[in-house]
Structure formats: structure tokens, C-alpha cells
Amino acid sequence: MARADRMSKTSTVKAYIGPTLQGIIQGGTVFSGGIPPKAAAVVAAYPFMAGLFVNVDNLAEARKELKRAGSERNMLYRRAKELGGNQDV
């Protein structure tokens, strides 16, 4: 497979880096071809949650940002945790 083909496939693969939301989505889950309906419903109700779904191409950098206190992703994570997430960064 050519590098360009691999890159185009990985850019459509998303990882959820937020806290586990029981019965909806588990932290660290990777999705290919879109997110499941329950997770999509949460994003529709709480649009900030979209920031916790990242392209796997950017996963390492997103995880670093998540751990950086005061960063945008860190704040999104904390907001998600207030919705009932039960996982620490």
C-alpha cells in the first residue's frame, strides 16, 4: 500500500481521548468510519465533546495537550468528566 493511501485511511480513523462515559463510550476507543450513534448523540447535545475525538494522525500530540494543565483539551476533558466521566487523565 502506498504511503498516500495509508495516510488517507488513517486520517479517517478517530480516537476518543475523553473520560469513559458509562454505557456510551470508553476512553481510548478508536473508530473507523464514524462514531457510534450513542456517542454522536452526546456530541450533538454537548458540542464541546467533538474536541475529544481526534485523528489518529494527531493522537500523540493530542494526548500531550490533554495532560497539560489549562490547555484547551484539558478543559474539554474536565467538562466531559463533569458529565459523568470516570477516568483520570
Protein backbone atom coordinates (compact mmCIF):
# COMPACT_ATOMS: atom_id res chain seq x y z
CA MET A 1 0.00 0.00 0.00
CA ALA A 2 1.39 3.41 -0.92
CA ARG A 3 2.12 5.94 1.80
CA ALA A 4 -0.54 8.33 0.45
CA ASP A 5 -3.15 5.55 0.66
CA ARG A 6 -2.18 4.75 4.26
CA MET A 7 -2.29 8.43 5.20
CA SER A 8 -5.75 8.92 3.71
CA LYS A 9 -7.04 5.86 5.61
CA THR A 10 -5.58 6.91 8.97
CA SER A 11 -6.95 10.44 8.69
CA THR A 12 -10.50 8.99 8.77
CA VAL A 13 -9.75 6.95 11.88
CA LYS A 14 -10.64 8.78 15.10
CA ALA A 15 -9.70 8.11 18.71
CA TYR A 16 -11.76 9.25 21.70
CA ILE A 17 -9.43 10.69 24.33
CA GLY A 18 -12.05 11.75 26.87
CA PRO A 19 -13.15 10.00 30.05
CA THR A 20 -15.25 6.85 29.91
CA LEU A 21 -18.96 7.66 29.87
CA GLN A 22 -20.66 4.50 31.14
CA GLY A 23 -22.87 2.86 28.57
CA ILE A 24 -21.87 5.36 25.88
CA ILE A 25 -18.16 5.39 25.13
CA GLN A 26 -14.95 4.14 26.68
CA GLY A 27 -11.88 6.35 26.88
CA GLY A 28 -9.17 5.37 24.41
CA THR A 29 -11.54 3.81 21.89
CA VAL A 30 -10.56 4.06 18.22
CA PHE A 31 -13.23 4.32 15.50
CA SER A 32 -13.02 3.77 11.77
CA GLY A 33 -15.87 5.03 9.62
CA GLY A 34 -17.52 7.37 12.09
CA ILE A 35 -18.52 7.32 15.72
CA PRO A 36 -21.36 5.17 17.10
CA PRO A 37 -24.87 6.66 17.41
CA LYS A 38 -24.79 6.95 21.23
CA ALA A 39 -21.53 8.92 21.10
CA ALA A 40 -22.86 11.04 18.22
CA ALA A 41 -25.91 11.89 20.34
CA VAL A 42 -23.65 13.08 23.16
CA VAL A 43 -21.70 15.26 20.72
CA ALA A 44 -24.97 16.68 19.36
CA ALA A 45 -26.13 17.54 22.90
CA TYR A 46 -22.70 18.77 24.04
CA PRO A 47 -20.79 20.09 21.00
CA PHE A 48 -17.58 20.62 23.01
CA MET A 49 -17.23 16.82 23.14
CA ALA A 50 -16.21 16.82 19.45
CA GLY A 51 -12.83 18.16 20.58
CA LEU A 52 -12.15 14.84 22.33
CA PHE A 53 -12.38 12.87 19.07
CA VAL A 54 -9.05 13.25 17.30
CA ASN A 55 -7.50 11.89 14.13
CA VAL A 56 -5.10 9.09 14.99
CA ASP A 57 -2.51 11.00 12.96
CA ASN A 58 -2.55 13.61 15.76
CA LEU A 59 -3.10 11.28 18.70
CA ALA A 60 0.29 11.64 20.37
CA GLU A 61 0.17 15.45 20.31
CA ALA A 62 -3.47 15.48 21.47
CA ARG A 63 -2.61 13.26 24.46
CA LYS A 64 0.25 15.58 25.41
CA GLU A 65 -2.09 18.56 25.24
CA LEU A 66 -4.67 16.67 27.29
CA LYS A 67 -2.18 16.32 30.15
CA ARG A 68 -1.07 19.97 30.02
CA ALA A 69 -2.97 21.84 32.73
CA GLY A 70 -5.00 24.72 31.35
CA SER A 71 -4.83 23.57 27.72
CA GLU A 72 -7.97 23.54 25.61
CA ARG A 73 -8.18 19.73 25.51
CA ASN A 74 -7.55 19.53 29.25
CA MET A 75 -10.51 21.85 29.84
CA LEU A 76 -12.68 19.82 27.45
CA TYR A 77 -11.72 16.66 29.33
CA ARG A 78 -12.66 18.21 32.66
CA ARG A 79 -16.03 19.35 31.27
CA ALA A 80 -16.68 15.84 29.96
CA LYS A 81 -15.78 14.40 33.34
CA GLU A 82 -18.43 16.63 34.91
CA LEU A 83 -20.99 14.92 32.64
CA GLY A 84 -20.24 11.67 34.41
CA GLY A 85 -16.89 10.57 33.08
CA ASN A 86 -14.99 8.33 35.49
CA GLN A 87 -11.43 8.26 34.28
CA ASP A 88 -8.49 10.45 35.23
CA VAL A 89 -6.00 11.90 32.75
